[in-house]
N, C-alpha and C. Protein backbone atom coordinates (compact mmCIF):
# COMPACT_ATOMS: atom_id res chain seq x y z
N MET A 1 -36.31 0.37 39.75
CA MET A 1 -34.96 0.00 39.37
C MET A 1 -34.84 0.03 37.84
N LYS A 2 -33.83 0.71 37.38
CA LYS A 2 -33.63 0.86 35.94
C LYS A 2 -32.78 -0.29 35.40
N GLY A 3 -33.13 -0.79 34.21
CA GLY A 3 -32.38 -1.88 33.58
C GLY A 3 -31.08 -1.38 32.97
N LEU A 4 -30.31 -2.31 32.50
CA LEU A 4 -29.04 -1.98 31.86
C LEU A 4 -29.28 -1.39 30.47
N SER A 5 -28.43 -0.47 30.09
CA SER A 5 -28.49 0.05 28.72
C SER A 5 -27.96 -1.02 27.77
N TRP A 6 -28.18 -0.81 26.48
CA TRP A 6 -27.71 -1.76 25.48
C TRP A 6 -26.19 -1.91 25.55
N GLN A 7 -25.48 -0.81 25.68
CA GLN A 7 -24.02 -0.86 25.73
C GLN A 7 -23.53 -1.56 26.99
N GLN A 8 -24.22 -1.37 28.11
CA GLN A 8 -23.85 -2.08 29.34
C GLN A 8 -24.09 -3.58 29.19
N THR A 9 -25.20 -3.95 28.54
CA THR A 9 -25.51 -5.36 28.30
C THR A 9 -24.45 -5.98 27.41
N VAL A 10 -24.06 -5.28 26.35
CA VAL A 10 -23.03 -5.79 25.45
C VAL A 10 -21.71 -5.93 26.19
N GLY A 11 -21.38 -4.97 27.04
CA GLY A 11 -20.15 -5.06 27.84
C GLY A 11 -20.16 -6.26 28.77
N LEU A 12 -21.30 -6.52 29.39
CA LEU A 12 -21.45 -7.68 30.27
C LEU A 12 -21.31 -8.98 29.49
N MET A 13 -21.95 -9.02 28.32
CA MET A 13 -21.83 -10.21 27.45
C MET A 13 -20.38 -10.42 27.03
N ARG A 14 -19.69 -9.36 26.67
CA ARG A 14 -18.29 -9.46 26.24
C ARG A 14 -17.43 -10.04 27.36
N ARG A 15 -17.67 -9.54 28.59
CA ARG A 15 -16.90 -10.03 29.73
C ARG A 15 -17.13 -11.51 29.97
N TRP A 16 -18.40 -11.96 29.96
CA TRP A 16 -18.71 -13.36 30.22
C TRP A 16 -18.33 -14.26 29.05
N HIS A 17 -18.42 -13.75 27.85
CA HIS A 17 -17.97 -14.50 26.67
C HIS A 17 -16.47 -14.76 26.80
N GLY A 18 -15.74 -13.74 27.21
CA GLY A 18 -14.30 -13.87 27.37
C GLY A 18 -13.89 -14.77 28.53
N ARG A 19 -14.72 -14.85 29.56
CA ARG A 19 -14.41 -15.71 30.70
C ARG A 19 -14.73 -17.17 30.43
N LEU A 20 -15.84 -17.44 29.75
CA LEU A 20 -16.26 -18.82 29.51
C LEU A 20 -15.55 -19.46 28.32
N GLY A 21 -15.18 -18.65 27.35
CA GLY A 21 -14.52 -19.18 26.15
C GLY A 21 -13.29 -20.03 26.46
N PRO A 22 -12.34 -19.52 27.24
CA PRO A 22 -11.15 -20.32 27.55
C PRO A 22 -11.46 -21.60 28.34
N LEU A 23 -12.50 -21.56 29.19
CA LEU A 23 -12.87 -22.76 29.95
C LEU A 23 -13.42 -23.86 29.04
N LEU A 24 -14.05 -23.45 27.95
CA LEU A 24 -14.67 -24.42 27.04
C LEU A 24 -13.74 -24.84 25.91
N LEU A 25 -12.60 -24.18 25.80
CA LEU A 25 -11.70 -24.46 24.69
C LEU A 25 -11.27 -25.93 24.64
N LEU A 26 -10.74 -26.46 25.73
CA LEU A 26 -10.25 -27.84 25.70
C LEU A 26 -11.35 -28.88 25.50
N PRO A 27 -12.47 -28.79 26.22
CA PRO A 27 -13.53 -29.79 25.97
C PRO A 27 -14.05 -29.74 24.53
N LEU A 28 -14.23 -28.55 23.98
CA LEU A 28 -14.76 -28.44 22.62
C LEU A 28 -13.72 -28.88 21.59
N LEU A 29 -12.47 -28.57 21.84
CA LEU A 29 -11.40 -29.02 20.95
C LEU A 29 -11.30 -30.54 20.98
N ASN A 30 -11.40 -31.12 22.18
CA ASN A 30 -11.40 -32.58 22.32
C ASN A 30 -12.55 -33.19 21.52
N SER A 31 -13.72 -32.63 21.66
CA SER A 31 -14.90 -33.17 20.98
C SER A 31 -14.75 -33.07 19.47
N ALA A 32 -14.29 -31.94 19.00
CA ALA A 32 -14.14 -31.75 17.55
C ALA A 32 -13.08 -32.69 16.98
N LEU A 33 -11.93 -32.76 17.62
CA LEU A 33 -10.83 -33.58 17.09
C LEU A 33 -11.12 -35.08 17.17
N THR A 34 -11.68 -35.54 18.29
CA THR A 34 -11.95 -36.98 18.40
C THR A 34 -13.10 -37.39 17.50
N GLY A 35 -14.12 -36.55 17.37
CA GLY A 35 -15.24 -36.88 16.48
C GLY A 35 -14.80 -36.94 15.02
N MET A 36 -14.00 -35.97 14.60
CA MET A 36 -13.50 -35.94 13.23
C MET A 36 -12.55 -37.13 12.96
N THR A 37 -11.67 -37.38 13.90
CA THR A 37 -10.71 -38.48 13.73
C THR A 37 -11.43 -39.83 13.67
N TYR A 38 -12.44 -40.00 14.51
CA TYR A 38 -13.22 -41.24 14.50
C TYR A 38 -13.86 -41.47 13.13
N ARG A 39 -14.54 -40.45 12.63
CA ARG A 39 -15.25 -40.59 11.35
C ARG A 39 -14.27 -40.83 10.20
N LEU A 40 -13.18 -40.06 10.15
CA LEU A 40 -12.23 -40.22 9.05
C LEU A 40 -11.47 -41.54 9.13
N ALA A 41 -11.17 -41.99 10.33
CA ALA A 41 -10.48 -43.27 10.49
C ALA A 41 -11.36 -44.42 9.99
N LYS A 42 -12.66 -44.33 10.24
CA LYS A 42 -13.56 -45.38 9.76
C LYS A 42 -13.77 -45.27 8.25
N ASP A 43 -14.03 -44.06 7.75
CA ASP A 43 -14.37 -43.90 6.34
C ASP A 43 -13.16 -43.98 5.41
N TRP A 44 -12.10 -43.28 5.73
CA TRP A 44 -10.95 -43.19 4.83
C TRP A 44 -9.91 -44.29 5.06
N LEU A 45 -9.74 -44.66 6.32
CA LEU A 45 -8.71 -45.67 6.62
C LEU A 45 -9.28 -47.07 6.71
N GLY A 46 -10.61 -47.17 6.71
CA GLY A 46 -11.25 -48.48 6.74
C GLY A 46 -11.14 -49.21 8.06
N LEU A 47 -10.90 -48.49 9.14
CA LEU A 47 -10.78 -49.14 10.45
C LEU A 47 -12.16 -49.56 10.95
N GLU A 48 -12.18 -50.60 11.72
CA GLU A 48 -13.42 -51.11 12.30
C GLU A 48 -13.80 -50.29 13.53
N ARG A 49 -15.08 -50.36 13.86
CA ARG A 49 -15.59 -49.63 15.03
C ARG A 49 -14.81 -49.98 16.29
N ALA A 50 -14.51 -51.23 16.48
CA ALA A 50 -13.79 -51.67 17.68
C ALA A 50 -12.39 -51.07 17.75
N GLN A 51 -11.79 -50.81 16.60
CA GLN A 51 -10.43 -50.26 16.57
C GLN A 51 -10.38 -48.79 16.97
N VAL A 52 -11.46 -48.07 16.76
CA VAL A 52 -11.47 -46.64 17.05
C VAL A 52 -12.48 -46.26 18.14
N HIS A 53 -12.99 -47.26 18.83
CA HIS A 53 -13.98 -46.98 19.88
C HIS A 53 -13.41 -46.09 20.98
N TRP A 54 -12.12 -46.19 21.23
CA TRP A 54 -11.49 -45.37 22.26
C TRP A 54 -11.66 -43.87 21.96
N LEU A 55 -11.76 -43.54 20.67
CA LEU A 55 -12.00 -42.14 20.31
C LEU A 55 -13.40 -41.70 20.73
N MET A 56 -14.36 -42.59 20.61
CA MET A 56 -15.72 -42.27 21.05
C MET A 56 -15.80 -42.16 22.57
N VAL A 57 -15.01 -42.96 23.27
CA VAL A 57 -14.96 -42.86 24.73
C VAL A 57 -14.49 -41.46 25.13
N LEU A 58 -13.48 -40.95 24.45
CA LEU A 58 -12.99 -39.59 24.71
C LEU A 58 -14.01 -38.54 24.24
N HIS A 59 -14.56 -38.74 23.06
CA HIS A 59 -15.48 -37.80 22.44
C HIS A 59 -16.74 -37.57 23.28
N GLU A 60 -17.31 -38.63 23.80
CA GLU A 60 -18.57 -38.54 24.53
C GLU A 60 -18.39 -38.36 26.03
N GLY A 61 -17.16 -38.37 26.52
CA GLY A 61 -16.93 -38.20 27.95
C GLY A 61 -17.23 -39.43 28.77
N GLU A 62 -17.24 -40.61 28.14
CA GLU A 62 -17.54 -41.85 28.87
C GLU A 62 -16.53 -42.11 29.98
N TRP A 63 -15.34 -41.60 29.85
CA TRP A 63 -14.29 -41.80 30.84
C TRP A 63 -14.62 -41.10 32.16
N LEU A 64 -15.65 -40.25 32.18
CA LEU A 64 -16.06 -39.55 33.39
C LEU A 64 -17.13 -40.30 34.17
N GLY A 65 -17.58 -41.44 33.66
CA GLY A 65 -18.65 -42.19 34.31
C GLY A 65 -20.01 -41.64 33.88
N THR A 66 -21.08 -42.29 34.33
CA THR A 66 -22.43 -41.91 33.89
C THR A 66 -22.82 -40.48 34.27
N PRO A 67 -22.72 -40.08 35.55
CA PRO A 67 -23.12 -38.69 35.86
C PRO A 67 -22.18 -37.68 35.19
N GLY A 68 -20.89 -37.98 35.17
CA GLY A 68 -19.92 -37.07 34.56
C GLY A 68 -20.12 -36.91 33.07
N LYS A 69 -20.48 -38.01 32.42
CA LYS A 69 -20.73 -37.97 30.97
C LYS A 69 -21.88 -37.02 30.66
N SER A 70 -22.95 -37.14 31.43
CA SER A 70 -24.12 -36.28 31.21
C SER A 70 -23.77 -34.81 31.44
N LEU A 71 -23.03 -34.53 32.50
CA LEU A 71 -22.64 -33.14 32.78
C LEU A 71 -21.69 -32.61 31.71
N TYR A 72 -20.80 -33.46 31.22
CA TYR A 72 -19.85 -33.08 30.17
C TYR A 72 -20.61 -32.69 28.90
N VAL A 73 -21.54 -33.52 28.49
CA VAL A 73 -22.31 -33.26 27.27
C VAL A 73 -23.17 -32.01 27.47
N LEU A 74 -23.82 -31.89 28.61
CA LEU A 74 -24.66 -30.73 28.89
C LEU A 74 -23.85 -29.44 28.90
N SER A 75 -22.70 -29.47 29.56
CA SER A 75 -21.88 -28.25 29.63
C SER A 75 -21.35 -27.86 28.25
N GLU A 76 -20.99 -28.84 27.43
CA GLU A 76 -20.54 -28.52 26.08
C GLU A 76 -21.67 -27.92 25.25
N ALA A 77 -22.85 -28.50 25.33
CA ALA A 77 -23.99 -28.00 24.55
C ALA A 77 -24.37 -26.59 24.99
N LEU A 78 -24.51 -26.38 26.29
CA LEU A 78 -24.86 -25.05 26.79
C LEU A 78 -23.75 -24.05 26.49
N GLY A 79 -22.50 -24.50 26.59
CA GLY A 79 -21.37 -23.62 26.29
C GLY A 79 -21.35 -23.18 24.84
N VAL A 80 -21.59 -24.10 23.94
CA VAL A 80 -21.62 -23.75 22.51
C VAL A 80 -22.76 -22.78 22.23
N MET A 81 -23.94 -23.05 22.80
CA MET A 81 -25.07 -22.14 22.57
C MET A 81 -24.78 -20.76 23.15
N TRP A 82 -24.17 -20.70 24.33
CA TRP A 82 -23.82 -19.42 24.94
C TRP A 82 -22.81 -18.66 24.07
N LEU A 83 -21.75 -19.34 23.66
CA LEU A 83 -20.72 -18.67 22.86
C LEU A 83 -21.26 -18.22 21.51
N LEU A 84 -22.11 -19.04 20.88
CA LEU A 84 -22.71 -18.62 19.61
C LEU A 84 -23.65 -17.44 19.80
N GLY A 85 -24.45 -17.49 20.84
CA GLY A 85 -25.39 -16.39 21.10
C GLY A 85 -24.69 -15.09 21.42
N THR A 86 -23.77 -15.13 22.39
CA THR A 86 -23.08 -13.90 22.76
C THR A 86 -22.15 -13.44 21.65
N GLY A 87 -21.51 -14.36 20.97
CA GLY A 87 -20.64 -13.98 19.85
C GLY A 87 -21.43 -13.32 18.73
N SER A 88 -22.63 -13.81 18.49
CA SER A 88 -23.48 -13.20 17.46
C SER A 88 -23.89 -11.78 17.84
N VAL A 89 -24.26 -11.59 19.11
CA VAL A 89 -24.63 -10.25 19.58
C VAL A 89 -23.42 -9.31 19.48
N LEU A 90 -22.26 -9.79 19.90
CA LEU A 90 -21.06 -8.96 19.84
C LEU A 90 -20.69 -8.61 18.40
N ALA A 91 -20.80 -9.57 17.50
CA ALA A 91 -20.51 -9.31 16.08
C ALA A 91 -21.52 -8.33 15.50
N TRP A 92 -22.79 -8.53 15.82
CA TRP A 92 -23.84 -7.63 15.32
C TRP A 92 -23.58 -6.21 15.82
N ASN A 93 -23.23 -6.09 17.09
CA ASN A 93 -22.96 -4.78 17.67
C ASN A 93 -21.76 -4.11 17.00
N ARG A 94 -20.76 -4.89 16.67
CA ARG A 94 -19.55 -4.33 16.05
C ARG A 94 -19.81 -3.88 14.62
N PHE A 95 -20.58 -4.65 13.87
CA PHE A 95 -20.74 -4.38 12.44
C PHE A 95 -22.01 -3.64 12.06
N LYS A 96 -22.89 -3.39 13.02
CA LYS A 96 -24.12 -2.68 12.68
C LYS A 96 -23.79 -1.23 12.32
N PRO A 97 -24.59 -0.64 11.47
CA PRO A 97 -24.33 0.75 11.11
C PRO A 97 -24.47 1.66 12.32
N LYS A 98 -23.56 2.57 12.45
CA LYS A 98 -23.59 3.52 13.56
C LYS A 98 -24.55 4.65 13.23
N ALA A 99 -25.23 5.14 14.24
CA ALA A 99 -26.15 6.27 14.05
C ALA A 99 -25.35 7.51 13.72
N THR A 100 -25.78 8.23 12.70
CA THR A 100 -25.09 9.45 12.33
C THR A 100 -26.05 10.63 12.48
N GLY A 101 -25.49 11.79 12.46
CA GLY A 101 -26.32 12.97 12.59
C GLY A 101 -26.24 13.55 13.98
N THR A 102 -26.92 14.63 14.19
CA THR A 102 -26.90 15.27 15.49
C THR A 102 -28.29 15.27 16.10
N LYS A 103 -28.31 15.30 17.39
CA LYS A 103 -29.60 15.34 18.09
C LYS A 103 -30.05 16.79 18.16
N LYS A 104 -31.33 17.00 18.04
CA LYS A 104 -31.85 18.36 18.14
C LYS A 104 -32.54 18.55 19.45
């Protein structure tokens, strides 16, 4: 059995990158916005931890319960690593120098 060519592999990565990206958009946006808001509210606005703890509940997925929280964090971490990895391969493929010349 023959493996996939490089271009087929890149095409497969592009397809899965495009499918998983939208699914991860809301959880990652939630994590980024609540984490940033929590930190800035404490540092710049001088709010106490108890006043902004609800942001951490949203940020860490505590509202999903113990098993849900773990799955939420795991899926976000794996999703970010997947998107960074596939995005890097896709960017490298797009910007790498193209082979020039003719075959003999």
